[in-house]
Amino acid sequence: MTRFVSALLLAALIAAPASAQDIGAIVANDTGDTAWILTASALVLLMTLPGLALFYGGLVRSRNFLSVALQTGAVASIVSVLWIVVGYTFAFGDVSNGWVGNGRAWMLIELTNVRLGTTIPESTFVLFQMTFAIIAPALMIGAWVDRARFSWVVVFCALWSLVVYAPVAHWIWGGGWLASSGTLDFAGGLVVHTTAGVSALMVAVMMGARRGFPDKPMLPHAPGLTMVGAALLWVGWFGFNGGSALAATDDASTAIINTHVAASTAALVWLLIERIGFGKTTMVGWATGAIAGLATITPAAAFISPGAAILFGALAAVVCYFAVLQIRKWGIDDSLDVFAVHGVGGILGSLLLGLFVSSSLGGVGYAQGMTPGAQLGAQALGVGVVALWSAVMTAILALGIGIIAPMRVRKKDEIEGLDITSHGERAWHLGD
């Protein structure tokens, strides 16, 4: 009997390490978390294709609908390829100097089974982050609609994703120097919306206004398409913010709740401002207000309480609405208000985060050693650095590429419309 018990104990001791490794492997590569992030990746891609294409396409004149849609599709395609080749390793390669990732994962040749600090495969992490890299440059398309040359757009956005987006992603999300300074950005208020918004404004200034702006009305040709695009963006944003938890946890559901309530509040407040100012509420106003709320809540989505998210949404509508008016007063033709909505929204949310992350206001609380003043300072540092980097590098890229491929189409082509002059197609053949 003693020998039998001893044999059982010996067998248990021998088997224990293998059992522990198996359990550890299951915990480290959680299939539920992986399934959620794969789903979130599809939702974020849906934001660009077709969400952003429809949102922007409905806002332009009918003769330029296809040009906007094609620019969106082409940018998504080229950035995807570049992300695999070098973009991912620039943004999320091993930290070497705090400024850009090393070359460990170029061409994705050395991915790990589990991304460090998560419970998902690194390939899943690559896919999810790719969808962010896609939408960031695609957002800028709204600043130059009706007049940008297609070849310039594709080359500029491709290089911008490597020179502007990837380094900023590394500084904040890849363990870089801004993260070490305490700057927070849950889902892209700085990395996506501030970079794209500031760069869009810079290009709009450099490219010049559309012919006839601001005297000639340039009304949206299909607000219904804009509404559909906004709805797709809204739903896709659940993956954008909820997926940024990188796990199917309370952080994900909190982020989604805050995302939804901020968008709802911002849409309603924007409609109220329209009603007071003009006596009518508009479909485009509802859509624009919702997007402003979504951009503003993004950096803070899982860090604050739902009550604070309502305030974020209300402030987003007010601040972004008057930013739209002010930029137009300055004579800048940021055609679809990319900076006023995305840039201003992302900056506003990033700064508000510094206060509302406080546990006394329902937030998750400050990191050890951080105070409200220190956190606000870290957020302001992030805003200033990201905005400056985006503006300077955008100017250099735009001018440099413009030497080879002019930024703007010819006057004749702009008047006739880019659909037919640049692509030989028309979006609508009514009456045929």
Protein backbone atom coordinates (compact mmCIF):
# COMPACT_ATOMS: atom_id res chain seq x y z
CA MET A 1 0.00 0.00 0.00
CA THR A 2 2.84 2.36 0.91
CA ARG A 3 4.53 1.68 -2.42
CA PHE A 4 1.25 2.37 -4.23
CA VAL A 5 0.75 5.73 -2.48
CA SER A 6 4.39 6.67 -3.11
CA ALA A 7 3.98 5.85 -6.78
CA LEU A 8 0.88 8.06 -7.00
CA LEU A 9 2.68 10.96 -5.31
CA LEU A 10 5.67 10.58 -7.61
CA ALA A 11 3.40 10.51 -10.64
CA ALA A 12 1.62 13.64 -9.42
CA LEU A 13 4.89 15.49 -8.88
CA ILE A 14 6.17 14.53 -12.32
CA ALA A 15 2.90 15.53 -13.98
CA ALA A 16 2.48 18.82 -12.11
CA PRO A 17 4.86 20.94 -14.18
CA ALA A 18 3.26 19.86 -17.45
CA SER A 19 -0.19 20.57 -16.09
CA ALA A 20 0.86 24.03 -14.90
CA GLN A 21 2.36 24.83 -18.29
CA ASP A 22 -0.81 23.78 -20.05
CA ILE A 23 -2.96 25.94 -17.80
CA GLY A 24 -0.55 28.86 -18.20
CA ALA A 25 -0.69 28.52 -21.96
CA ILE A 26 -4.48 28.65 -21.88
CA VAL A 27 -4.49 31.74 -19.69
CA ALA A 28 -1.80 33.46 -21.73
CA ASN A 29 -3.61 32.92 -25.03
CA ASP A 30 -7.26 33.46 -24.13
CA THR A 31 -9.58 32.44 -26.96
CA GLY A 32 -12.39 34.68 -25.74
CA ASP A 33 -10.16 37.74 -25.76
CA THR A 34 -8.80 36.75 -29.16
CA ALA A 35 -12.29 36.33 -30.61
CA TRP A 36 -13.31 39.76 -29.33
CA ILE A 37 -10.27 41.52 -30.79
CA LEU A 38 -10.74 39.77 -34.14
CA THR A 39 -14.35 41.01 -34.13
CA ALA A 40 -13.24 44.50 -33.08
CA SER A 41 -10.76 44.53 -35.96
CA ALA A 42 -13.58 43.91 -38.42
CA LEU A 43 -15.63 46.68 -36.81
CA VAL A 44 -12.78 49.19 -37.08
CA LEU A 45 -12.14 48.31 -40.71
CA LEU A 46 -15.88 48.81 -41.28
CA MET A 47 -15.40 52.39 -40.10
CA THR A 48 -13.17 53.10 -43.09
CA LEU A 49 -14.66 50.70 -45.63
CA PRO A 50 -17.43 51.63 -46.22
CA GLY A 51 -18.23 53.95 -43.27
CA LEU A 52 -15.85 56.82 -43.94
CA ALA A 53 -16.26 56.52 -47.72
CA LEU A 54 -20.04 56.98 -47.41
CA PHE A 55 -19.78 59.67 -44.72
CA TYR A 56 -17.41 61.80 -46.80
CA GLY A 57 -18.94 60.81 -50.12
CA GLY A 58 -22.35 62.14 -49.15
CA LEU A 59 -20.86 65.46 -48.08
CA VAL A 60 -19.16 66.29 -51.38
CA ARG A 61 -20.74 67.33 -54.66
CA SER A 62 -22.01 64.47 -56.80
CA ARG A 63 -19.29 64.84 -59.42
CA ASN A 64 -16.63 63.99 -56.81
CA PHE A 65 -18.25 61.08 -54.97
CA LEU A 66 -16.17 58.35 -56.61
CA SER A 67 -12.92 60.26 -56.15
CA VAL A 68 -13.48 60.35 -52.38
CA ALA A 69 -14.47 56.68 -52.23
CA LEU A 70 -11.49 55.62 -54.36
CA GLN A 71 -9.05 57.66 -52.31
CA THR A 72 -10.39 55.96 -49.20
CA GLY A 73 -10.02 52.50 -50.71
CA ALA A 74 -6.57 53.15 -52.15
CA VAL A 75 -5.25 54.60 -48.89
CA ALA A 76 -6.59 51.61 -46.96
CA SER A 77 -4.83 49.28 -49.41
CA ILE A 78 -1.41 50.93 -49.47
CA VAL A 79 -1.27 51.46 -45.71
CA SER A 80 -2.18 47.82 -45.11
CA VAL A 81 0.75 46.63 -47.20
CA LEU A 82 3.18 49.07 -45.60
CA TRP A 83 1.97 48.09 -42.13
CA ILE A 84 3.01 44.50 -42.78
CA VAL A 85 6.36 45.46 -44.31
CA VAL A 86 7.64 48.06 -41.81
CA GLY A 87 4.79 50.04 -40.21
CA TYR A 88 4.08 47.61 -37.41
CA THR A 89 7.68 47.23 -36.36
CA PHE A 90 8.17 51.01 -36.40
CA ALA A 91 5.18 51.42 -34.10
CA PHE A 92 5.32 48.29 -31.95
CA GLY A 93 8.73 46.74 -32.42
CA ASP A 94 10.79 46.30 -29.28
CA VAL A 95 11.60 49.58 -27.57
CA SER A 96 15.17 50.63 -28.31
CA ASN A 97 15.39 54.40 -27.82
CA GLY A 98 11.83 55.46 -27.03
CA TRP A 99 11.36 57.13 -30.41
CA VAL A 100 10.71 54.29 -32.85
CA GLY A 101 10.44 50.52 -32.59
CA ASN A 102 13.31 48.33 -33.73
CA GLY A 103 13.21 46.04 -36.75
CA ARG A 104 12.28 42.83 -34.95
CA ALA A 105 8.99 42.36 -36.75
CA TRP A 106 9.53 43.76 -40.22
CA MET A 107 7.52 41.67 -42.67
CA LEU A 108 6.09 40.11 -39.49
CA ILE A 109 8.91 37.57 -39.49
CA GLU A 110 9.33 37.24 -35.71
CA LEU A 111 5.90 37.49 -34.14
CA THR A 112 5.43 35.95 -30.71
CA ASN A 113 2.66 33.49 -29.84
CA VAL A 114 1.31 36.00 -27.32
CA ARG A 115 1.76 39.77 -27.47
CA LEU A 116 3.60 40.91 -24.34
CA GLY A 117 1.22 42.32 -21.74
CA THR A 118 -1.89 40.82 -23.37
CA THR A 119 -3.66 37.47 -23.63
CA ILE A 120 -3.94 37.52 -27.44
CA PRO A 121 -1.63 36.29 -30.21
CA GLU A 122 0.66 38.98 -31.58
CA SER A 123 -0.83 38.35 -35.04
CA THR A 124 -4.22 39.37 -33.65
CA PHE A 125 -2.65 42.49 -32.15
CA VAL A 126 -1.05 43.29 -35.53
CA LEU A 127 -4.40 43.01 -37.27
CA PHE A 128 -6.21 45.21 -34.77
CA GLN A 129 -3.56 47.91 -34.87
CA MET A 130 -3.51 47.78 -38.67
CA THR A 131 -7.10 48.99 -38.77
CA PHE A 132 -6.08 52.05 -36.72
CA ALA A 133 -3.18 52.75 -39.05
CA ILE A 134 -5.66 52.60 -41.95
CA ILE A 135 -8.27 55.01 -40.65
CA ALA A 136 -5.85 57.69 -39.43
CA PRO A 137 -4.66 58.83 -42.88
CA ALA A 138 -8.08 58.12 -44.40
CA LEU A 139 -9.60 60.72 -42.06
CA MET A 140 -7.47 63.42 -43.71
CA ILE A 141 -9.15 62.89 -47.07
CA GLY A 142 -12.01 65.12 -45.95
CA ALA A 143 -9.69 68.15 -45.88
CA TRP A 144 -8.80 68.13 -49.58
CA VAL A 145 -11.88 66.76 -51.36
CA ASP A 146 -12.80 68.16 -54.80
CA ARG A 147 -9.26 69.29 -55.65
CA ALA A 148 -6.46 66.89 -54.66
CA ARG A 149 -4.56 64.87 -57.25
CA PHE A 150 -5.06 61.14 -56.74
CA SER A 151 -1.38 60.18 -57.14
CA TRP A 152 -0.32 62.79 -54.57
CA VAL A 153 -2.95 61.57 -52.10
CA VAL A 154 -1.80 57.94 -52.26
CA VAL A 155 1.92 58.69 -51.95
CA PHE A 156 1.41 61.30 -49.23
CA CYS A 157 -0.82 59.08 -47.09
CA ALA A 158 1.52 56.12 -47.52
CA LEU A 159 4.56 58.03 -46.30
CA TRP A 160 2.55 59.86 -43.64
CA SER A 161 1.58 56.52 -42.09
CA LEU A 162 5.28 55.73 -41.61
CA VAL A 163 6.69 59.17 -40.78
CA VAL A 164 3.88 60.65 -38.65
CA TYR A 165 1.54 57.91 -37.46
CA ALA A 166 3.92 55.05 -36.64
CA PRO A 167 6.35 57.08 -34.48
CA VAL A 168 3.50 58.70 -32.51
CA ALA A 169 1.92 55.28 -31.97
CA HIS A 170 5.25 54.08 -30.61
CA TRP A 171 5.69 57.07 -28.30
CA ILE A 172 2.31 56.48 -26.65
CA TRP A 173 1.25 52.87 -27.22
CA GLY A 174 4.53 51.14 -27.97
CA GLY A 175 6.28 51.93 -24.71
CA GLY A 176 7.94 55.08 -26.02
CA TRP A 177 8.96 58.28 -24.30
CA LEU A 178 5.54 59.94 -24.03
CA ALA A 179 4.15 56.87 -22.28
CA SER A 180 7.07 57.04 -19.88
CA SER A 181 6.19 60.70 -19.26
CA GLY A 182 2.71 59.68 -18.15
CA THR A 183 0.69 60.69 -21.23
CA LEU A 184 -2.51 58.63 -21.53
CA ASP A 185 -4.47 57.84 -24.68
CA PHE A 186 -6.80 54.89 -24.38
CA ALA A 187 -7.91 54.50 -28.00
CA GLY A 188 -6.44 57.21 -30.21
CA GLY A 189 -7.39 60.76 -29.26
CA LEU A 190 -3.76 61.71 -29.79
CA VAL A 191 -2.43 58.87 -31.94
CA VAL A 192 -5.27 58.96 -34.49
CA HIS A 193 -7.41 62.09 -34.18
CA THR A 194 -4.82 64.70 -33.27
CA THR A 195 -2.30 63.50 -35.85
CA ALA A 196 -4.91 63.32 -38.60
CA GLY A 197 -6.68 66.54 -37.61
CA VAL A 198 -3.57 68.72 -37.40
CA SER A 199 -2.11 67.24 -40.59
CA ALA A 200 -5.40 67.78 -42.41
CA LEU A 201 -5.42 71.44 -41.41
CA MET A 202 -1.85 71.86 -42.59
CA VAL A 203 -2.61 70.33 -45.99
CA ALA A 204 -5.78 72.43 -46.37
CA VAL A 205 -3.74 75.59 -45.83
CA MET A 206 -1.00 74.49 -48.22
CA MET A 207 -3.33 73.27 -50.96
CA GLY A 208 -5.61 76.29 -50.89
CA ALA A 209 -9.37 76.53 -51.02
CA ARG A 210 -11.72 74.99 -53.53
CA ARG A 211 -12.57 77.29 -56.42
CA GLY A 212 -15.52 79.42 -55.34
CA PHE A 213 -14.94 78.96 -51.60
CA PRO A 214 -16.38 80.55 -49.49
CA ASP A 215 -18.72 82.60 -51.67
CA LYS A 216 -20.21 79.76 -53.73
CA PRO A 217 -22.42 77.25 -51.85
CA MET A 218 -20.94 73.74 -51.90
CA LEU A 219 -23.76 71.73 -50.42
CA PRO A 220 -23.66 67.98 -49.64
CA HIS A 221 -25.20 66.09 -52.52
CA ALA A 222 -26.49 63.13 -50.46
CA PRO A 223 -27.00 63.71 -46.71
CA GLY A 224 -28.70 60.30 -46.59
CA LEU A 225 -25.42 58.61 -47.50
CA THR A 226 -23.69 60.70 -44.87
CA MET A 227 -26.16 59.44 -42.28
CA VAL A 228 -25.50 55.83 -43.27
CA GLY A 229 -21.76 56.43 -43.12
CA ALA A 230 -22.06 58.08 -39.70
CA ALA A 231 -24.11 55.15 -38.41
CA LEU A 232 -21.45 52.71 -39.60
CA LEU A 233 -18.76 54.82 -37.94
CA TRP A 234 -20.76 54.91 -34.70
CA VAL A 235 -21.20 51.14 -34.57
CA GLY A 236 -17.62 50.53 -35.70
CA TRP A 237 -16.41 52.81 -32.93
CA PHE A 238 -17.51 50.14 -30.44
CA GLY A 239 -14.66 48.05 -31.81
CA PHE A 240 -12.36 51.07 -31.99
CA ASN A 241 -12.73 51.96 -28.30
CA GLY A 242 -13.98 48.68 -26.84
CA GLY A 243 -11.30 46.69 -28.65
CA SER A 244 -8.58 48.95 -27.26
CA ALA A 245 -9.01 47.15 -23.94
CA LEU A 246 -7.33 44.25 -25.79
CA ALA A 247 -9.50 41.83 -23.82
CA ALA A 248 -13.18 40.97 -23.33
CA THR A 249 -13.32 42.60 -19.90
CA ASP A 250 -15.07 45.31 -17.93
CA ASP A 251 -12.73 47.85 -19.55
CA ALA A 252 -14.16 46.93 -22.95
CA SER A 253 -17.80 47.22 -21.90
CA THR A 254 -17.13 50.46 -20.00
CA ALA A 255 -15.43 51.92 -23.06
CA ILE A 256 -18.40 50.98 -25.25
CA ILE A 257 -20.95 52.43 -22.84
CA ASN A 258 -19.01 55.69 -22.61
CA THR A 259 -18.56 55.79 -26.37
CA HIS A 260 -22.26 55.41 -27.01
CA VAL A 261 -23.45 57.92 -24.43
CA ALA A 262 -20.90 60.55 -25.49
CA ALA A 263 -21.95 60.24 -29.14
CA SER A 264 -25.63 60.39 -28.20
CA THR A 265 -25.16 63.50 -26.08
CA ALA A 266 -23.02 65.27 -28.66
CA ALA A 267 -25.53 64.60 -31.45
CA LEU A 268 -28.39 66.00 -29.37
CA VAL A 269 -26.47 69.10 -28.26
CA TRP A 270 -25.35 69.79 -31.84
CA LEU A 271 -29.00 69.63 -32.96
CA LEU A 272 -29.96 71.99 -30.15
CA ILE A 273 -27.33 74.51 -31.22
CA GLU A 274 -28.62 74.32 -34.80
CA ARG A 275 -32.19 74.80 -33.65
CA ILE A 276 -31.30 77.84 -31.58
CA GLY A 277 -29.03 79.35 -34.23
CA PHE A 278 -30.89 78.60 -37.46
CA GLY A 279 -34.33 77.43 -36.48
CA LYS A 280 -33.85 74.01 -38.09
CA THR A 281 -32.14 70.74 -37.29
CA THR A 282 -30.25 68.88 -40.02
CA MET A 283 -29.18 65.36 -40.83
CA VAL A 284 -25.61 66.52 -41.44
CA GLY A 285 -25.68 68.26 -38.05
CA TRP A 286 -26.73 65.08 -36.27
CA ALA A 287 -23.98 63.09 -38.01
CA THR A 288 -21.28 65.69 -37.40
CA GLY A 289 -22.23 66.05 -33.74
CA ALA A 290 -22.09 62.31 -33.20
CA ILE A 291 -18.63 62.07 -34.78
CA ALA A 292 -17.40 64.97 -32.62
CA GLY A 293 -18.58 63.14 -29.51
CA LEU A 294 -16.94 59.91 -30.65
CA ALA A 295 -13.60 61.61 -31.33
CA THR A 296 -13.66 63.40 -27.98
CA ILE A 297 -14.43 60.34 -25.85
CA THR A 298 -11.82 58.18 -27.58
CA PRO A 299 -8.74 59.03 -25.48
CA ALA A 300 -10.65 58.57 -22.22
CA ALA A 301 -13.14 55.82 -23.09
CA ALA A 302 -12.27 53.31 -20.35
CA PHE A 303 -10.70 55.77 -17.92
CA ILE A 304 -13.77 57.80 -16.92
CA SER A 305 -17.31 57.27 -15.66
CA PRO A 306 -20.44 57.28 -17.86
CA GLY A 307 -21.52 60.51 -16.17
CA ALA A 308 -18.27 62.15 -17.24
CA ALA A 309 -18.80 60.74 -20.75
CA ILE A 310 -22.05 62.70 -20.99
CA LEU A 311 -20.13 65.87 -20.15
CA PHE A 312 -17.45 64.97 -22.72
CA GLY A 313 -20.19 64.65 -25.35
CA ALA A 314 -21.83 67.95 -24.49
CA LEU A 315 -18.54 69.84 -24.51
CA ALA A 316 -17.54 68.12 -27.76
CA ALA A 317 -20.60 69.48 -29.54
CA VAL A 318 -20.15 73.03 -28.27
CA VAL A 319 -16.39 73.29 -28.79
CA CYS A 320 -16.26 71.51 -32.15
CA TYR A 321 -19.27 73.41 -33.49
CA PHE A 322 -17.66 76.77 -32.85
CA ALA A 323 -14.30 75.47 -34.09
CA VAL A 324 -15.97 74.75 -37.44
CA LEU A 325 -17.24 78.34 -37.62
CA GLN A 326 -13.92 79.84 -36.57
CA ILE A 327 -11.83 77.94 -39.11
CA ARG A 328 -14.17 79.03 -41.87
CA LYS A 329 -13.89 82.65 -40.67
CA TRP A 330 -10.15 82.34 -41.06
CA GLY A 331 -10.75 81.44 -44.72
CA ILE A 332 -9.27 77.95 -44.39
CA ASP A 333 -11.04 75.39 -46.55
CA ASP A 334 -10.80 72.27 -44.40
CA SER A 335 -13.62 71.05 -46.60
CA LEU A 336 -15.27 68.45 -44.37
CA ASP A 337 -14.10 69.88 -41.04
CA VAL A 338 -11.50 67.24 -40.26
CA PHE A 339 -9.51 69.41 -37.87
CA ALA A 340 -12.52 71.05 -36.21
CA VAL A 341 -14.18 67.70 -35.49
CA HIS A 342 -11.41 65.12 -35.19
CA GLY A 343 -8.44 67.28 -34.28
CA VAL A 344 -10.22 69.55 -31.83
CA GLY A 345 -12.24 66.64 -30.45
CA GLY A 346 -9.17 64.49 -29.89
CA ILE A 347 -7.29 67.35 -28.23
CA LEU A 348 -10.27 68.30 -26.05
CA GLY A 349 -10.79 64.73 -24.85
CA SER A 350 -7.07 64.26 -24.16
CA LEU A 351 -6.97 67.33 -21.94
CA LEU A 352 -10.24 66.60 -20.13
CA LEU A 353 -8.90 63.13 -19.38
CA GLY A 354 -6.26 64.71 -17.16
CA LEU A 355 -9.01 65.80 -14.76
CA PHE A 356 -11.76 63.20 -15.09
CA VAL A 357 -9.53 60.16 -14.65
CA SER A 358 -9.66 61.10 -10.96
CA SER A 359 -11.32 58.47 -8.79
CA SER A 360 -13.19 61.25 -6.96
CA LEU A 361 -14.95 61.97 -10.26
CA GLY A 362 -15.68 58.32 -10.99
CA GLY A 363 -12.55 57.62 -13.03
CA VAL A 364 -10.06 54.81 -12.63
CA GLY A 365 -7.70 57.00 -10.63
CA TYR A 366 -4.24 58.40 -11.20
CA ALA A 367 -1.15 56.28 -11.56
CA GLN A 368 1.14 56.08 -8.56
CA GLY A 369 2.92 59.38 -8.04
CA MET A 370 0.57 61.28 -10.35
CA THR A 371 -1.54 64.26 -9.27
CA PRO A 372 -4.26 66.12 -11.20
CA GLY A 373 -1.77 68.82 -12.12
CA ALA A 374 0.90 66.35 -13.17
CA GLN A 375 -1.54 64.34 -15.28
CA LEU A 376 -2.90 67.46 -16.95
CA GLY A 377 0.67 68.50 -17.67
CA ALA A 378 1.44 65.09 -19.19
CA GLN A 379 -1.65 65.36 -21.38
CA ALA A 380 -0.73 68.89 -22.48
CA LEU A 381 2.79 67.68 -23.29
CA GLY A 382 1.35 64.90 -25.42
CA VAL A 383 -0.97 67.29 -27.26
CA GLY A 384 1.79 69.80 -27.94
CA VAL A 385 4.38 67.29 -29.10
CA VAL A 386 1.98 65.30 -31.29
CA ALA A 387 0.51 68.44 -32.88
CA LEU A 388 3.94 69.93 -33.59
CA TRP A 389 5.35 66.70 -35.01
CA SER A 390 2.27 66.22 -37.21
CA ALA A 391 2.35 69.78 -38.56
CA VAL A 392 6.07 69.92 -39.32
CA MET A 393 6.40 66.48 -40.87
CA THR A 394 3.20 66.95 -42.88
CA ALA A 395 4.55 70.18 -44.36
CA ILE A 396 7.83 68.50 -45.31
CA LEU A 397 6.11 65.48 -46.85
CA ALA A 398 3.49 67.50 -48.72
CA LEU A 399 6.03 69.83 -50.28
CA GLY A 400 8.53 67.09 -51.07
CA ILE A 401 5.98 64.84 -52.77
CA GLY A 402 4.48 67.85 -54.52
CA ILE A 403 7.74 68.34 -56.42
CA ILE A 404 7.18 65.00 -58.16
CA ALA A 405 3.38 64.73 -58.07
CA PRO A 406 1.54 68.09 -57.83
CA MET A 407 -0.85 68.35 -54.91
CA ARG A 408 -3.72 69.81 -56.89
CA VAL A 409 -5.52 68.98 -60.13
CA ARG A 410 -5.85 71.46 -63.00
CA LYS A 411 -8.54 74.14 -62.87
CA LYS A 412 -10.44 72.55 -65.75
CA ASP A 413 -10.51 69.15 -64.05
CA GLU A 414 -11.64 70.63 -60.75
CA ILE A 415 -14.55 72.41 -62.41
CA GLU A 416 -15.67 69.35 -64.36
CA GLY A 417 -15.30 67.03 -61.38
CA LEU A 418 -12.68 64.48 -60.39
CA ASP A 419 -14.86 61.42 -61.01
CA ILE A 420 -14.77 61.80 -64.76
CA THR A 421 -11.49 63.69 -65.24
CA SER A 422 -9.33 61.57 -62.93
CA HIS A 423 -11.08 58.20 -63.05
CA GLY A 424 -13.25 58.15 -66.16
CA GLU A 425 -16.36 57.17 -64.24
CA ARG A 426 -19.50 58.72 -62.83
CA ALA A 427 -21.13 57.70 -59.58
CA TRP A 428 -24.65 58.20 -60.84
CA HIS A 429 -26.16 57.76 -64.32
CA LEU A 430 -29.60 59.08 -63.61
CA GLY A 431 -32.08 58.75 -66.44
CA ASP A 432 -29.94 56.31 -68.46
